[in-house]
N, C-alpha and C. Protein backbone atom coordinates (compact mmCIF):
# COMPACT_ATOMS: atom_id res chain seq x y z
N MET A 1 0.84 -1.18 0.00
CA MET A 1 0.00 0.00 0.00
C MET A 1 0.88 1.24 0.00
N GLN A 2 0.56 2.16 -0.85
CA GLN A 2 1.36 3.36 -0.99
C GLN A 2 0.91 4.42 0.02
N LEU A 3 1.87 4.93 0.78
CA LEU A 3 1.56 5.98 1.75
C LEU A 3 1.49 7.32 1.04
N ILE A 4 0.57 8.14 1.49
CA ILE A 4 0.39 9.47 0.91
C ILE A 4 1.03 10.48 1.85
N PRO A 5 1.98 11.27 1.36
CA PRO A 5 2.56 12.31 2.22
C PRO A 5 1.49 13.27 2.72
N LYS A 6 1.65 13.74 3.94
CA LYS A 6 0.64 14.58 4.58
C LYS A 6 0.38 15.85 3.77
N ASP A 7 1.41 16.46 3.21
CA ASP A 7 1.21 17.69 2.46
C ASP A 7 0.41 17.45 1.18
N VAL A 8 0.63 16.30 0.54
CA VAL A 8 -0.13 15.96 -0.66
C VAL A 8 -1.59 15.71 -0.31
N LYS A 9 -1.80 14.99 0.80
CA LYS A 9 -3.18 14.70 1.24
C LYS A 9 -3.93 15.99 1.55
N GLU A 10 -3.29 16.91 2.26
CA GLU A 10 -3.93 18.19 2.60
C GLU A 10 -4.20 19.01 1.33
N TYR A 11 -3.28 18.98 0.37
CA TYR A 11 -3.47 19.70 -0.88
C TYR A 11 -4.69 19.20 -1.63
N ILE A 12 -4.81 17.87 -1.74
CA ILE A 12 -5.95 17.28 -2.44
C ILE A 12 -7.25 17.59 -1.70
N GLU A 13 -7.25 17.46 -0.37
CA GLU A 13 -8.46 17.72 0.41
C GLU A 13 -8.90 19.18 0.29
N ASN A 14 -7.94 20.10 0.20
CA ASN A 14 -8.28 21.52 0.06
C ASN A 14 -8.73 21.86 -1.36
N MET A 15 -8.17 21.18 -2.34
CA MET A 15 -8.48 21.46 -3.73
C MET A 15 -9.86 20.93 -4.13
N TYR A 16 -10.20 19.76 -3.62
CA TYR A 16 -11.48 19.13 -3.93
C TYR A 16 -12.34 19.04 -2.69
N GLU A 17 -13.63 19.08 -2.85
CA GLU A 17 -14.54 18.89 -1.73
C GLU A 17 -14.88 17.41 -1.66
N ILE A 18 -14.03 16.67 -0.99
CA ILE A 18 -14.24 15.23 -0.86
C ILE A 18 -15.23 14.99 0.27
N PRO A 19 -16.28 14.21 0.00
CA PRO A 19 -17.27 13.94 1.06
C PRO A 19 -16.62 13.28 2.26
N LYS A 20 -17.13 13.60 3.44
CA LYS A 20 -16.62 13.00 4.67
C LYS A 20 -17.11 11.57 4.77
N GLY A 21 -16.38 10.76 5.47
CA GLY A 21 -16.75 9.37 5.65
C GLY A 21 -15.58 8.46 5.35
N GLN A 22 -15.60 7.29 5.93
CA GLN A 22 -14.52 6.34 5.75
C GLN A 22 -14.57 5.72 4.36
N ASN A 23 -15.73 5.20 3.97
CA ASN A 23 -15.92 4.60 2.66
C ASN A 23 -16.98 5.38 1.90
N LEU A 24 -16.72 5.67 0.64
CA LEU A 24 -17.64 6.46 -0.16
C LEU A 24 -18.32 5.57 -1.19
N ALA A 25 -19.65 5.67 -1.25
CA ALA A 25 -20.40 4.95 -2.27
C ALA A 25 -20.11 5.58 -3.63
N LEU A 26 -20.27 4.80 -4.68
CA LEU A 26 -20.04 5.34 -6.02
C LEU A 26 -20.97 6.50 -6.32
N SER A 27 -22.18 6.46 -5.77
CA SER A 27 -23.12 7.57 -5.99
C SER A 27 -22.61 8.85 -5.34
N GLN A 28 -21.96 8.75 -4.18
CA GLN A 28 -21.39 9.94 -3.52
C GLN A 28 -20.26 10.52 -4.37
N ILE A 29 -19.46 9.67 -4.95
CA ILE A 29 -18.34 10.13 -5.77
C ILE A 29 -18.86 10.79 -7.04
N GLU A 30 -19.93 10.24 -7.60
CA GLU A 30 -20.53 10.82 -8.79
C GLU A 30 -21.18 12.17 -8.46
N GLU A 31 -21.89 12.26 -7.34
CA GLU A 31 -22.52 13.52 -6.92
C GLU A 31 -21.49 14.61 -6.67
N ALA A 32 -20.32 14.23 -6.17
CA ALA A 32 -19.26 15.20 -5.90
C ALA A 32 -18.59 15.66 -7.20
N GLY A 33 -18.84 14.94 -8.31
CA GLY A 33 -18.33 15.38 -9.60
C GLY A 33 -16.96 14.84 -9.98
N PHE A 34 -16.49 13.81 -9.29
CA PHE A 34 -15.18 13.25 -9.63
C PHE A 34 -15.24 12.46 -10.93
N PHE A 35 -16.10 11.48 -10.99
CA PHE A 35 -16.34 10.72 -12.21
C PHE A 35 -17.63 9.93 -12.05
N LYS A 36 -18.15 9.44 -13.17
CA LYS A 36 -19.39 8.68 -13.17
C LYS A 36 -19.19 7.32 -12.51
N SER A 37 -20.28 6.74 -12.04
CA SER A 37 -20.22 5.43 -11.40
C SER A 37 -19.65 4.37 -12.33
N GLN A 38 -20.05 4.42 -13.60
CA GLN A 38 -19.57 3.43 -14.56
C GLN A 38 -18.05 3.56 -14.77
N THR A 39 -17.55 4.78 -14.80
CA THR A 39 -16.11 5.00 -14.93
C THR A 39 -15.39 4.44 -13.70
N ALA A 40 -15.95 4.67 -12.52
CA ALA A 40 -15.36 4.14 -11.29
C ALA A 40 -15.31 2.62 -11.35
N LYS A 41 -16.37 1.98 -11.83
CA LYS A 41 -16.38 0.52 -11.95
C LYS A 41 -15.30 0.04 -12.91
N ARG A 42 -15.13 0.76 -14.01
CA ARG A 42 -14.07 0.39 -14.96
C ARG A 42 -12.68 0.50 -14.32
N LEU A 43 -12.47 1.58 -13.54
CA LEU A 43 -11.18 1.77 -12.86
C LEU A 43 -10.96 0.67 -11.82
N ILE A 44 -12.01 0.26 -11.14
CA ILE A 44 -11.92 -0.81 -10.14
C ILE A 44 -11.55 -2.12 -10.82
N HIS A 45 -12.25 -2.46 -11.89
CA HIS A 45 -11.99 -3.72 -12.58
C HIS A 45 -10.62 -3.72 -13.27
N ALA A 46 -10.12 -2.55 -13.64
CA ALA A 46 -8.79 -2.45 -14.26
C ALA A 46 -7.68 -2.47 -13.21
N GLY A 47 -8.05 -2.39 -11.92
CA GLY A 47 -7.05 -2.43 -10.85
C GLY A 47 -6.42 -1.08 -10.55
N LYS A 48 -6.96 -0.01 -11.11
CA LYS A 48 -6.40 1.33 -10.88
C LYS A 48 -6.97 1.99 -9.63
N LEU A 49 -8.11 1.47 -9.15
CA LEU A 49 -8.79 2.03 -7.99
C LEU A 49 -9.25 0.87 -7.13
N LYS A 50 -8.87 0.89 -5.86
CA LYS A 50 -9.25 -0.19 -4.95
C LYS A 50 -10.61 0.11 -4.34
N ALA A 51 -11.39 -0.95 -4.13
CA ALA A 51 -12.72 -0.78 -3.57
C ALA A 51 -13.04 -1.93 -2.63
N VAL A 52 -14.03 -1.67 -1.78
CA VAL A 52 -14.58 -2.67 -0.87
C VAL A 52 -15.98 -2.96 -1.38
N THR A 53 -16.37 -4.22 -1.35
CA THR A 53 -17.72 -4.55 -1.78
C THR A 53 -18.54 -5.05 -0.60
N PHE A 54 -19.78 -4.62 -0.56
CA PHE A 54 -20.77 -5.11 0.39
C PHE A 54 -21.93 -5.60 -0.46
N GLY A 55 -22.04 -6.89 -0.59
CA GLY A 55 -23.03 -7.44 -1.50
C GLY A 55 -22.61 -7.12 -2.92
N ARG A 56 -23.46 -6.41 -3.64
CA ARG A 56 -23.14 -6.03 -5.02
C ARG A 56 -22.70 -4.57 -5.13
N LYS A 57 -22.63 -3.86 -4.01
CA LYS A 57 -22.29 -2.43 -4.05
C LYS A 57 -20.80 -2.23 -3.79
N PHE A 58 -20.25 -1.27 -4.50
CA PHE A 58 -18.84 -0.90 -4.34
C PHE A 58 -18.73 0.34 -3.47
N PHE A 59 -17.74 0.34 -2.60
CA PHE A 59 -17.41 1.50 -1.78
C PHE A 59 -15.92 1.73 -1.91
N ILE A 60 -15.55 2.98 -2.11
CA ILE A 60 -14.14 3.33 -2.26
C ILE A 60 -13.68 4.03 -0.98
N PRO A 61 -12.63 3.52 -0.35
CA PRO A 61 -12.09 4.20 0.84
C PRO A 61 -11.66 5.63 0.49
N ARG A 62 -11.90 6.54 1.39
CA ARG A 62 -11.57 7.96 1.17
C ARG A 62 -10.08 8.14 0.85
N THR A 63 -9.24 7.42 1.58
CA THR A 63 -7.79 7.53 1.34
C THR A 63 -7.42 7.01 -0.04
N GLU A 64 -8.14 6.01 -0.54
CA GLU A 64 -7.87 5.48 -1.87
C GLU A 64 -8.25 6.51 -2.94
N LEU A 65 -9.35 7.21 -2.74
CA LEU A 65 -9.75 8.27 -3.68
C LEU A 65 -8.69 9.37 -3.70
N ILE A 66 -8.20 9.76 -2.54
CA ILE A 66 -7.16 10.79 -2.45
C ILE A 66 -5.89 10.29 -3.14
N ARG A 67 -5.51 9.01 -2.92
CA ARG A 67 -4.33 8.45 -3.57
C ARG A 67 -4.47 8.45 -5.08
N TYR A 68 -5.64 8.06 -5.57
CA TYR A 68 -5.87 8.01 -7.01
C TYR A 68 -5.78 9.42 -7.62
N LEU A 69 -6.42 10.39 -6.99
CA LEU A 69 -6.38 11.77 -7.51
C LEU A 69 -4.95 12.31 -7.51
N ALA A 70 -4.22 12.07 -6.42
CA ALA A 70 -2.83 12.54 -6.34
C ALA A 70 -1.96 11.87 -7.40
N ASP A 71 -2.19 10.58 -7.62
CA ASP A 71 -1.43 9.84 -8.63
C ASP A 71 -1.74 10.37 -10.03
N GLU A 72 -3.00 10.65 -10.31
CA GLU A 72 -3.39 11.17 -11.62
C GLU A 72 -2.84 12.57 -11.86
N MET A 73 -2.66 13.34 -10.78
CA MET A 73 -2.12 14.69 -10.90
C MET A 73 -0.59 14.67 -10.95
N GLY A 74 0.01 13.51 -10.76
CA GLY A 74 1.47 13.40 -10.79
C GLY A 74 2.14 13.85 -9.51
N LEU A 75 1.38 13.90 -8.41
CA LEU A 75 1.95 14.35 -7.14
C LEU A 75 2.68 13.24 -6.39
N LEU A 76 2.56 12.01 -6.86
CA LEU A 76 3.21 10.90 -6.18
C LEU A 76 4.41 10.36 -6.95
N GLU A 77 4.94 11.14 -7.89
CA GLU A 77 6.10 10.72 -8.65
C GLU A 77 7.27 10.48 -7.69
N GLY A 78 7.94 9.35 -7.86
CA GLY A 78 9.09 9.04 -7.02
C GLY A 78 8.74 8.47 -5.67
N GLN A 79 7.47 8.37 -5.32
CA GLN A 79 7.09 7.83 -4.01
C GLN A 79 7.29 6.32 -3.96
N ALA A 80 7.19 5.63 -5.10
CA ALA A 80 7.34 4.18 -5.11
C ALA A 80 8.74 3.77 -4.68
N ALA A 81 9.73 4.59 -4.95
CA ALA A 81 11.11 4.27 -4.57
C ALA A 81 11.31 4.34 -3.06
N LYS A 82 10.47 5.10 -2.35
CA LYS A 82 10.61 5.26 -0.91
C LYS A 82 10.02 4.10 -0.13
N GLU A 83 9.19 3.29 -0.78
CA GLU A 83 8.54 2.18 -0.07
C GLU A 83 9.50 1.05 0.21
């Protein structure tokens, strides 16, 4: 699991209005305007976004959403070498 530096996490949280909560439903992520539920499912099945399932519903951990956004913005370059 890749650790997110505190400054990167704070930057992402300040830049985007990420809903509060430990695990976010795909509908919450879609309502917040990050991406559509179907896109999130594609990212999950492609292994680019980790999710927890309860029955047939997917939930994305808040930290995983922050990690994905930071990775897409290129803020985690060189972090893999530190692990």
